PDB file of N, CA and C in Angstrom:
ATOM      1  N   MET A   1     134.573 107.149 162.882  1.00  0.00           N
ATOM      2  CA  MET A   1     134.052 105.908 163.664  1.00  0.00           C
ATOM      3  C   MET A   1     132.504 106.291 164.382  1.00  0.00           C
ATOM      4  N   PHE A   2     131.726 105.237 164.432  1.00  0.00           N
ATOM      5  CA  PHE A   2     130.650 105.385 165.325  1.00  0.00           C
ATOM      6  C   PHE A   2     130.358 103.981 165.713  1.00  0.00           C
ATOM      7  N   THR A   3     129.457 104.238 167.184  1.00  0.00           N
ATOM      8  CA  THR A   3     129.073 103.178 167.898  1.00  0.00           C
ATOM      9  C   THR A   3     127.635 102.364 167.597  1.00  0.00           C
ATOM     10  N   LEU A   4     128.418 101.015 167.354  1.00  0.00           N
ATOM     11  CA  LEU A   4     127.112 100.016 166.854  1.00  0.00           C
ATOM     12  C   LEU A   4     127.076  99.135 167.518  1.00  0.00           C
ATOM     13  N   LEU A   5     125.943  98.706 168.598  1.00  0.00           N
ATOM     14  CA  LEU A   5     125.797  97.592 169.423  1.00  0.00           C
ATOM     15  C   LEU A   5     127.117  97.592 170.545  1.00  0.00           C
ATOM     16  N   LYS A   6     127.357  98.860 171.012  1.00  0.00           N
ATOM     17  CA  LYS A   6     128.298  99.241 171.889  1.00  0.00           C
ATOM     18  C   LYS A   6     129.661  98.782 171.670  1.00  0.00           C
ATOM     19  N   ARG A   7     130.274  98.685 170.140  1.00  0.00           N
ATOM     20  CA  ARG A   7     131.546  98.743 169.791  1.00  0.00           C
ATOM     21  C   ARG A   7     131.660  99.568 168.880  1.00  0.00           C
ATOM     22  N   GLN A   8     133.060  99.799 168.757  1.00  0.00           N
ATOM     23  CA  GLN A   8     133.454 100.820 167.980  1.00  0.00           C
ATOM     24  C   GLN A   8     133.702  99.786 166.394  1.00  0.00           C
ATOM     25  N   VAL A   9     132.918 100.159 165.325  1.00  0.00           N
ATOM     26  CA  VAL A   9     132.970  99.739 163.932  1.00  0.00           C
ATOM     27  C   VAL A   9     133.186 100.842 163.055  1.00  0.00           C
ATOM     28  N   LYS A  10     133.916 100.593 161.993  1.00  0.00           N
ATOM     29  CA  LYS A  10     134.336 101.350 160.999  1.00  0.00           C
ATOM     30  C   LYS A  10     133.158 101.257 159.873  1.00  0.00           C
ATOM     31  N   ALA A  11     133.076 102.628 159.317  1.00  0.00           N
ATOM     32  CA  ALA A  11     131.962 102.458 158.508  1.00  0.00           C
ATOM     33  C   ALA A  11     132.299 101.724 157.343  1.00  0.00           C
ATOM     34  N   GLY A  12     133.365 101.283 157.098  1.00  0.00           N
ATOM     35  CA  GLY A  12     133.939 100.629 155.668  1.00  0.00           C
ATOM     36  C   GLY A  12     133.464  99.166 155.604  1.00  0.00           C
ATOM     37  N   ILE A  13     133.312  98.470 156.750  1.00  0.00           N
ATOM     38  CA  ILE A  13     132.983  97.346 157.002  1.00  0.00           C
ATOM     39  C   ILE A  13     131.415  97.198 156.666  1.00  0.00           C
ATOM     40  N   LEU A  14     130.706  98.318 157.326  1.00  0.00           N
ATOM     41  CA  LEU A  14     129.225  98.063 156.802  1.00  0.00           C
ATOM     42  C   LEU A  14     128.819  98.421 155.246  1.00  0.00           C
ATOM     43  N   ILE A  15     129.726  99.451 154.792  1.00  0.00           N
ATOM     44  CA  ILE A  15     129.435  99.377 153.398  1.00  0.00           C
ATOM     45  C   ILE A  15     130.002  98.345 152.541  1.00  0.00           C
ATOM     46  N   TYR A  16     130.678  97.361 152.855  1.00  0.00           N
ATOM     47  CA  TYR A  16     131.066  96.329 152.217  1.00  0.00           C
ATOM     48  C   TYR A  16     130.261  95.331 152.458  1.00  0.00           C
ATOM     49  N   ALA A  17     129.571  94.958 153.466  1.00  0.00           N
ATOM     50  CA  ALA A  17     128.710  94.014 154.061  1.00  0.00           C
ATOM     51  C   ALA A  17     127.027  94.587 153.267  1.00  0.00           C
ATOM     52  N   LEU A  18     127.098  95.787 152.989  1.00  0.00           N
ATOM     53  CA  LEU A  18     125.765  96.069 152.099  1.00  0.00           C
ATOM     54  C   LEU A  18     126.095  95.496 150.926  1.00  0.00           C
ATOM     55  N   LEU A  19     127.525  96.283 150.170  1.00  0.00           N
ATOM     56  CA  LEU A  19     127.812  96.077 149.028  1.00  0.00           C
ATOM     57  C   LEU A  19     127.496  94.333 148.711  1.00  0.00           C
ATOM     58  N   MET A  20     128.104  93.513 149.404  1.00  0.00           N
ATOM     59  CA  MET A  20     128.008  92.071 149.489  1.00  0.00           C
ATOM     60  C   MET A  20     126.678  91.643 149.224  1.00  0.00           C
ATOM     61  N   ALA A  21     126.020  92.198 150.233  1.00  0.00           N
ATOM     62  CA  ALA A  21     124.486  91.846 150.098  1.00  0.00           C
ATOM     63  C   ALA A  21     123.552  92.258 149.017  1.00  0.00           C
ATOM     64  N   ALA A  22     124.178  93.196 148.146  1.00  0.00           N
ATOM     65  CA  ALA A  22     123.510  93.681 147.213  1.00  0.00           C
ATOM     66  C   ALA A  22     123.913  92.973 145.727  1.00  0.00           C
ATOM     67  N   ILE A  23     124.906  92.137 145.849  1.00  0.00           N
ATOM     68  CA  ILE A  23     125.491  91.673 144.894  1.00  0.00           C
ATOM     69  C   ILE A  23     124.947  90.344 144.657  1.00  0.00           C
ATOM     70  N   PHE A  24     124.424  89.767 145.993  1.00  0.00           N
ATOM     71  CA  PHE A  24     124.113  88.373 146.076  1.00  0.00           C
ATOM     72  C   PHE A  24     122.658  88.237 146.033  1.00  0.00           C
ATOM     73  N   ALA A  25     122.133  89.638 146.008  1.00  0.00           N
ATOM     74  CA  ALA A  25     120.575  89.716 145.617  1.00  0.00           C
ATOM     75  C   ALA A  25     120.413  89.712 144.172  1.00  0.00           C
ATOM     76  N   LEU A  26     121.458  90.554 143.863  1.00  0.00           N
ATOM     77  CA  LEU A  26     121.436  90.495 142.165  1.00  0.00           C
ATOM     78  C   LEU A  26     121.578  89.209 141.681  1.00  0.00           C
ATOM     79  N   LEU A  27     122.284  88.524 141.963  1.00  0.00           N
ATOM     80  CA  LEU A  27     122.787  87.152 141.539  1.00  0.00           C
ATOM     81  C   LEU A  27     121.687  86.253 141.886  1.00  0.00           C
ATOM     82  N   LEU A  28     120.824  86.509 142.961  1.00  0.00           N
ATOM     83  CA  LEU A  28     119.695  85.451 143.512  1.00  0.00           C
ATOM     84  C   LEU A  28     118.853  85.813 142.251  1.00  0.00           C
ATOM     85  N   GLN A  29     118.434  86.973 141.990  1.00  0.00           N
ATOM     86  CA  GLN A  29     117.477  87.254 141.256  1.00  0.00           C
ATOM     87  C   GLN A  29     117.755  86.958 140.022  1.00  0.00           C
ATOM     88  N   PHE A  30     118.568  86.993 139.278  1.00  0.00           N
ATOM     89  CA  PHE A  30     119.207  86.383 138.274  1.00  0.00           C
ATOM     90  C   PHE A  30     118.903  85.055 137.893  1.00  0.00           C
ATOM     91  N   TYR A  31     119.289  84.135 139.007  1.00  0.00           N
ATOM     92  CA  TYR A  31     119.111  82.685 138.973  1.00  0.00           C
ATOM     93  C   TYR A  31     117.615  82.154 139.161  1.00  0.00           C
ATOM     94  N   LEU A  32     117.021  82.875 139.782  1.00  0.00           N
ATOM     95  CA  LEU A  32     115.659  82.338 140.148  1.00  0.00           C
ATOM     96  C   LEU A  32     114.922  82.774 138.687  1.00  0.00           C
ATOM     97  N   GLY A  33     115.136  83.896 138.047  1.00  0.00           N
ATOM     98  CA  GLY A  33     114.673  84.182 136.842  1.00  0.00           C
ATOM     99  C   GLY A  33     114.862  83.274 135.798  1.00  0.00           C
ATOM    100  N   ARG A  34     115.944  82.842 135.792  1.00  0.00           N
ATOM    101  CA  ARG A  34     116.477  81.819 134.709  1.00  0.00           C
ATOM    102  C   ARG A  34     115.548  80.460 134.897  1.00  0.00           C
ATOM    103  N   VAL A  35     115.681  80.000 136.303  1.00  0.00           N
ATOM    104  CA  VAL A  35     114.890  78.890 136.834  1.00  0.00           C
ATOM    105  C   VAL A  35     113.387  78.993 136.075  1.00  0.00           C
ATOM    106  N   VAL A  36     112.827  79.843 136.320  1.00  0.00           N
ATOM    107  CA  VAL A  36     111.563  80.283 135.975  1.00  0.00           C
ATOM    108  C   VAL A  36     111.265  80.229 134.619  1.00  0.00           C
ATOM    109  N   ALA A  37     112.224  81.121 133.905  1.00  0.00           N
ATOM    110  CA  ALA A  37     112.017  80.594 132.458  1.00  0.00           C
ATOM    111  C   ALA A  37     112.257  79.242 132.069  1.00  0.00           C
ATOM    112  N   MET A  38     113.172  78.607 132.516  1.00  0.00           N
ATOM    113  CA  MET A  38     113.439  77.297 131.935  1.00  0.00           C
ATOM    114  C   MET A  38     112.439  76.388 132.274  1.00  0.00           C
ATOM    115  N   GLU A  39     111.484  76.599 133.637  1.00  0.00           N
ATOM    116  CA  GLU A  39     110.446  75.664 133.697  1.00  0.00           C
ATOM    117  C   GLU A  39     109.194  76.450 132.803  1.00  0.00           C
ATOM    118  N   ARG A  40     108.805  77.473 132.603  1.00  0.00           N
ATOM    119  CA  ARG A  40     108.259  77.861 131.476  1.00  0.00           C
ATOM    120  C   ARG A  40     108.462  77.079 129.969  1.00  0.00           C
ATOM    121  N   GLN A  41     109.579  77.184 129.469  1.00  0.00           N
ATOM    122  CA  GLN A  41     109.929  76.605 128.314  1.00  0.00           C
ATOM    123  C   GLN A  41     109.805  74.947 128.409  1.00  0.00           C
ATOM    124  N   HIS A  42     109.995  74.450 129.370  1.00  0.00           N
ATOM    125  CA  HIS A  42     109.565  72.904 129.653  1.00  0.00           C
ATOM    126  C   HIS A  42     108.256  72.715 129.677  1.00  0.00           C
ATOM    127  N   GLN A  43     107.312  73.500 130.084  1.00  0.00           N
ATOM    128  CA  GLN A  43     105.748  73.183 129.935  1.00  0.00           C
ATOM    129  C   GLN A  43     105.384  73.252 128.526  1.00  0.00           C
ATOM    130  N   ALA A  44     106.163  74.658 128.010  1.00  0.00           N
ATOM    131  CA  ALA A  44     105.471  74.454 126.573  1.00  0.00           C
ATOM    132  C   ALA A  44     106.349  73.573 125.864  1.00  0.00           C
ATOM    133  N   GLN A  45     107.215  72.898 125.773  1.00  0.00           N
ATOM    134  CA  GLN A  45     107.709  71.986 125.161  1.00  0.00           C
ATOM    135  C   GLN A  45     106.688  70.650 125.177  1.00  0.00           C
ATOM    136  N   LEU A  46     106.534  70.541 126.593  1.00  0.00           N
ATOM    137  CA  LEU A  46     105.569  69.384 126.865  1.00  0.00           C
ATOM    138  C   LEU A  46     104.290  69.525 126.235  1.00  0.00           C
ATOM    139  N   SER A  47     103.406  70.600 126.465  1.00  0.00           N
ATOM    140  CA  SER A  47     102.416  70.648 125.850  1.00  0.00           C
ATOM    141  C   SER A  47     102.321  70.724 124.285  1.00  0.00           C
ATOM    142  N   ALA A  48     103.301  70.730 123.612  1.00  0.00           N
ATOM    143  CA  ALA A  48     103.652  70.824 122.223  1.00  0.00           C
ATOM    144  C   ALA A  48     103.896  69.496 121.804  1.00  0.00           C
ATOM    145  N   SER A  49     104.637  68.521 122.775  1.00  0.00           N
ATOM    146  CA  SER A  49     104.910  67.201 122.469  1.00  0.00           C
ATOM    147  C   SER A  49     103.694  66.459 122.663  1.00  0.00           C
ATOM    148  N   GLN A  50     102.948  66.907 123.728  1.00  0.00           N
ATOM    149  CA  GLN A  50     101.365  65.864 123.717  1.00  0.00           C
ATOM    150  C   GLN A  50     100.628  66.508 122.671  1.00  0.00           C
ATOM    151  N   ALA A  51     100.635  67.487 122.231  1.00  0.00           N
ATOM    152  CA  ALA A  51      99.755  67.846 121.155  1.00  0.00           C
ATOM    153  C   ALA A  51     100.118  67.137 119.551  1.00  0.00           C
ATOM    154  N   TYR A  52     101.165  67.039 119.428  1.00  0.00           N
ATOM    155  CA  TYR A  52     101.817  66.422 118.142  1.00  0.00           C
ATOM    156  C   TYR A  52     101.723  64.748 118.470  1.00  0.00           C
ATOM    157  N   LEU A  53     101.493  64.329 119.529  1.00  0.00           N
ATOM    158  CA  LEU A  53     101.469  62.743 119.624  1.00  0.00           C
ATOM    159  C   LEU A  53      99.894  62.711 119.597  1.00  0.00           C
ATOM    160  N   MET A  54      99.259  63.364 119.964  1.00  0.00           N
ATOM    161  CA  MET A  54      97.841  63.493 119.731  1.00  0.00           C
ATOM    162  C   MET A  54      97.313  63.661 118.498  1.00  0.00           C
ATOM    163  N   ALA A  55      98.026  64.395 117.668  1.00  0.00           N
ATOM    164  CA  ALA A  55      97.868  64.764 116.150  1.00  0.00           C
ATOM    165  C   ALA A  55      98.482  63.531 115.266  1.00  0.00           C
ATOM    166  N   LYS A  56      99.648  63.096 115.872  1.00  0.00           N
ATOM    167  CA  LYS A  56      99.832  61.758 114.994  1.00  0.00           C
ATOM    168  C   LYS A  56      99.070  60.469 115.073  1.00  0.00           C
ATOM    169  N   LEU A  57      98.092  60.473 116.348  1.00  0.00           N
ATOM    170  CA  LEU A  57      97.381  59.164 116.482  1.00  0.00           C
ATOM    171  C   LEU A  57      96.150  59.668 115.646  1.00  0.00           C
ATOM    172  N   THR A  58      95.753  60.705 115.747  1.00  0.00           N
ATOM    173  CA  THR A  58      94.441  60.909 115.166  1.00  0.00           C
ATOM    174  C   THR A  58      94.916  60.831 113.558  1.00  0.00           C
ATOM    175  N   LYS A  59      96.156  61.124 113.058  1.00  0.00           N
ATOM    176  CA  LYS A  59      96.020  60.764 111.679  1.00  0.00           C
ATOM    177  C   LYS A  59      96.006  59.301 111.406  1.00  0.00           C
ATOM    178  N   ASP A  60      96.606  58.475 112.077  1.00  0.00           N
ATOM    179  CA  ASP A  60      96.646  56.894 112.452  1.00  0.00           C
ATOM    180  C   ASP A  60      95.079  56.617 111.974  1.00  0.00           C
ATOM    181  N   LEU A  61      94.259  57.077 113.072  1.00  0.00           N
ATOM    182  CA  LEU A  61      93.171  56.498 113.311  1.00  0.00           C
ATOM    183  C   LEU A  61      91.830  57.157 112.521  1.00  0.00           C
ATOM    184  N   ALA A  62      92.139  58.203 111.827  1.00  0.00           N
ATOM    185  CA  ALA A  62      91.404  58.960 110.832  1.00  0.00           C
ATOM    186  C   ALA A  62      90.692  57.951 109.801  1.00  0.00           C
ATOM    187  N   LYS A  63      89.367  57.919 109.590  1.00  0.00           N
ATOM    188  CA  LYS A  63      88.935  57.113 108.796  1.00  0.00           C
ATOM    189  C   LYS A  63      87.603  57.749 107.978  1.00  0.00           C
ATOM    190  N   GLU A  64      87.159  58.750 108.516  1.00  0.00           N
ATOM    191  CA  GLU A  64      85.919  59.445 107.836  1.00  0.00           C
ATOM    192  C   GLU A  64      86.692  60.979 107.239  1.00  0.00           C
ATOM    193  N   ASP A  65      85.905  61.385 106.607  1.00  0.00           N
ATOM    194  CA  ASP A  65      86.162  62.881 106.258  1.00  0.00           C
ATOM    195  C   ASP A  65      86.293  64.009 107.283  1.00  0.00           C
ATOM    196  N   THR A  66      85.639  63.909 108.243  1.00  0.00           N
ATOM    197  CA  THR A  66      85.550  64.827 109.720  1.00  0.00           C
ATOM    198  C   THR A  66      85.625  63.951 110.567  1.00  0.00           C
ATOM    199  N   GLY A  67      86.012  64.469 111.891  1.00  0.00           N
ATOM    200  CA  GLY A  67      85.704  63.559 112.965  1.00  0.00           C
ATOM    201  C   GLY A  67      86.511  64.206 114.340  1.00  0.00           C
ATOM    202  N   HIS A  68      86.108  63.245 115.516  1.00  0.00           N
ATOM    203  CA  HIS A  68      86.571  63.842 116.511  1.00  0.00           C
ATOM    204  C   HIS A  68      86.893  63.099 117.434  1.00  0.00           C
ATOM    205  N   LEU A  69      88.225  63.151 118.126  1.00  0.00           N
ATOM    206  CA  LEU A  69      88.810  61.999 118.957  1.00  0.00           C
ATOM    207  C   LEU A  69      88.942  62.752 120.075  1.00  0.00           C
ATOM    208  N   THR A  70      88.638  61.754 121.296  1.00  0.00           N
ATOM    209  CA  THR A  70      88.899  62.440 122.863  1.00  0.00           C
ATOM    210  C   THR A  70      89.867  61.742 123.396  1.00  0.00           C
ATOM    211  N   PHE A  71      90.872  62.471 123.791  1.00  0.00           N
ATOM    212  CA  PHE A  71      92.165  61.884 124.600  1.00  0.00           C
ATOM    213  C   PHE A  71      92.022  61.911 126.350  1.00  0.00           C
ATOM    214  N   ASP A  72      92.981  61.675 127.031  1.00  0.00           N
ATOM    215  CA  ASP A  72      92.846  62.027 128.282  1.00  0.00           C
ATOM    216  C   ASP A  72      93.593  63.567 128.196  1.00  0.00           C
ATOM    217  N   GLN A  73      94.279  63.747 127.770  1.00  0.00           N
ATOM    218  CA  GLN A  73      94.950  65.226 127.839  1.00  0.00           C
ATOM    219  C   GLN A  73      94.122  66.288 126.931  1.00  0.00           C
ATOM    220  N   GLY A  74      93.441  65.965 126.215  1.00  0.00           N
ATOM    221  CA  GLY A  74      92.314  66.717 125.528  1.00  0.00           C
ATOM    222  C   GLY A  74      91.315  66.367 124.414  1.00  0.00           C
ATOM    223  N   VAL A  75      91.448  67.123 123.282  1.00  0.00           N
ATOM    224  CA  VAL A  75      90.418  66.735 122.430  1.00  0.00           C
ATOM    225  C   VAL A  75      91.156  66.931 120.726  1.00  0.00           C
ATOM    226  N   ALA A  76      90.903  66.120 119.810  1.00  0.00           N
ATOM    227  CA  ALA A  76      91.493  66.218 118.537  1.00  0.00           C
ATOM    228  C   ALA A  76      90.194  66.147 117.435  1.00  0.00           C
ATOM    229  N   ASP A  77      90.220  67.534 116.635  1.00  0.00           N
ATOM    230  CA  ASP A  77      89.175  67.474 115.643  1.00  0.00           C
ATOM    231  C   ASP A  77      89.925  67.260 114.303  1.00  0.00           C
ATOM    232  N   TYR A  78      89.509  66.436 113.417  1.00  0.00           N
ATOM    233  CA  TYR A  78      90.367  66.188 112.211  1.00  0.00           C
ATOM    234  C   TYR A  78      89.417  66.596 111.077  1.00  0.00           C
ATOM    235  N   ASN A  79      89.832  67.075 109.714  1.00  0.00           N
ATOM    236  CA  ASN A  79      89.032  67.368 108.684  1.00  0.00           C
ATOM    237  C   ASN A  79      89.929  67.151 107.128  1.00  0.00           C
ATOM    238  N   PHE A  80      89.488  66.227 106.473  1.00  0.00           N
ATOM    239  CA  PHE A  80      90.255  66.126 105.066  1.00  0.00           C
ATOM    240  C   PHE A  80      89.901  67.220 103.988  1.00  0.00           C
ATOM    241  N   GLN A  81      90.825  67.930 103.985  1.00  0.00           N
ATOM    242  CA  GLN A  81      90.621  68.768 102.491  1.00  0.00           C
ATOM    243  C   GLN A  81      91.831  68.690 101.643  1.00  0.00           C
ATOM    244  N   ASP A  82      91.404  68.451 100.271  1.00  0.00           N
ATOM    245  CA  ASP A  82      92.080  68.259  99.198  1.00  0.00           C
ATOM    246  C   ASP A  82      93.629  67.337  99.467  1.00  0.00           C
ATOM    247  N   ASN A  83      93.183  66.146  99.667  1.00  0.00           N
ATOM    248  CA  ASN A  83      93.883  65.206 100.229  1.00  0.00           C
ATOM    249  C   ASN A  83      95.048  65.661 101.305  1.00  0.00           C
ATOM    250  N   ARG A  84      94.374  66.510 102.161  1.00  0.00           N
ATOM    251  CA  ARG A  84      95.484  66.682 103.197  1.00  0.00           C
ATOM    252  C   ARG A  84      94.411  66.514 104.392  1.00  0.00           C
ATOM    253  N   LEU A  85      95.361  66.374 105.544  1.00  0.00           N
ATOM    254  CA  LEU A  85      94.345  66.081 107.088  1.00  0.00           C
ATOM    255  C   LEU A  85      94.881  67.336 107.944  1.00  0.00           C
ATOM    256  N   GLN A  86      93.688  67.824 107.988  1.00  0.00           N
ATOM    257  CA  GLN A  86      94.029  68.949 109.046  1.00  0.00           C
ATOM    258  C   GLN A  86      93.489  68.665 110.471  1.00  0.00           C
ATOM    259  N   VAL A  87      94.568  68.549 111.368  1.00  0.00           N
ATOM    260  CA  VAL A  87      94.020  68.233 112.694  1.00  0.00           C
ATOM    261  C   VAL A  87      94.150  69.431 113.710  1.00  0.00           C
ATOM    262  N   VAL A  88      93.010  69.843 114.460  1.00  0.00           N
ATOM    263  CA  VAL A  88      93.126  70.646 115.409  1.00  0.00           C
ATOM    264  C   VAL A  88      92.959  70.242 116.939  1.00  0.00           C
ATOM    265  N   VAL A  89      94.051  70.405 117.744  1.00  0.00           N
ATOM    266  CA  VAL A  89      94.198  69.817 119.004  1.00  0.00           C
ATOM    267  C   VAL A  89      94.003  70.831 120.013  1.00  0.00           C
ATOM    268  N   LYS A  90      93.258  70.481 120.854  1.00  0.00           N
ATOM    269  CA  LYS A  90      92.739  71.501 121.937  1.00  0.00           C
ATOM    270  C   LYS A  90      93.108  70.600 123.321  1.00  0.00           C
ATOM    271  N   LEU A  91      94.120  70.796 123.815  1.00  0.00           N
ATOM    272  CA  LEU A  91      94.345  70.535 125.318  1.00  0.00           C
ATOM    273  C   LEU A  91      93.620  70.937 126.387  1.00  0.00           C
ATOM    274  N   SER A  92      93.741  70.092 127.374  1.00  0.00           N
ATOM    275  CA  SER A  92      92.868  70.371 128.405  1.00  0.00           C
ATOM    276  C   SER A  92      93.162  71.611 129.042  1.00  0.00           C
ATOM    277  N   ASN A  93      94.386  72.106 129.032  1.00  0.00           N
ATOM    278  CA  ASN A  93      94.588  73.714 129.474  1.00  0.00           C
ATOM    279  C   ASN A  93      94.240  74.532 128.738  1.00  0.00           C
ATOM    280  N   GLN A  94      93.406  74.290 127.519  1.00  0.00           N
ATOM    281  CA  GLN A  94      93.061  75.373 126.719  1.00  0.00           C
ATOM    282  C   GLN A  94      93.889  75.766 125.698  1.00  0.00           C
ATOM    283  N   GLN A  95      95.009  74.939 125.719  1.00  0.00           N
ATOM    284  CA  GLN A  95      96.004  75.515 124.514  1.00  0.00           C
ATOM    285  C   GLN A  95      95.666  74.972 123.120  1.00  0.00           C
ATOM    286  N   GLU A  96      95.709  75.586 121.886  1.00  0.00           N
ATOM    287  CA  GLU A  96      95.113  74.769 120.612  1.00  0.00           C
ATOM    288  C   GLU A  96      96.281  74.811 119.710  1.00  0.00           C
ATOM    289  N   PHE A  97      96.588  73.681 119.132  1.00  0.00           N
ATOM    290  CA  PHE A  97      97.604  73.370 117.872  1.00  0.00           C
ATOM    291  C   PHE A  97      96.794  72.906 116.719  1.00  0.00           C
ATOM    292  N   ASP A  98      97.492  73.531 115.965  1.00  0.00           N
ATOM    293  CA  ASP A  98      97.024  72.976 114.498  1.00  0.00           C
ATOM    294  C   ASP A  98      98.056  72.278 113.690  1.00  0.00           C
ATOM    295  N   TYR A  99      97.771  71.252 112.970  1.00  0.00           N
ATOM    296  CA  TYR A  99      98.697  70.670 112.084  1.00  0.00           C
ATOM    297  C   TYR A  99      98.051  70.157 110.958  1.00  0.00           C
ATOM    298  N   VAL A 100      98.841  69.919 109.927  1.00  0.00           N
ATOM    299  CA  VAL A 100      98.396  69.610 108.665  1.00  0.00           C
ATOM    300  C   VAL A 100      99.309  68.367 108.040  1.00  0.00           C
ATOM    301  N   PHE A 101      98.619  67.412 107.751  1.00  0.00           N
ATOM    302  CA  PHE A 101      99.659  65.958 107.105  1.00  0.00           C
ATOM    303  C   PHE A 101      99.277  65.919 105.883  1.00  0.00           C
TER     304      PHE A 101
END
C-alpha cells in the first residue's frame, strides 16, 4: 500500500481505474471513427445524388449537339455522340461525375 492524498489506497484500485479509462477511451475512439466515416459517406451520397439529378435534367433539356447548363450546385456539359448523350457534371466543390444516357 502507498499513500495518496493522505489516504491509504491499494494499488489494485488505481490499476482498475486506469484500465476502465483505457477501455472507455478505445470505445470512444471507435465510436467517433464510425461517426466520421458515416458523415463522409453521407456527403458522398449527397454529391452523387445531386450530380445525377443535374445529369437527368440536362438530358431532358438538351436540344443541341453540344451544350452547357449552369445550376446552383454546379455545371453540366453535354455532348451527343453516336445516339448517346454524354454528360459531365462538375459540382461547386470541384467533384466531377460522368454519365452516359
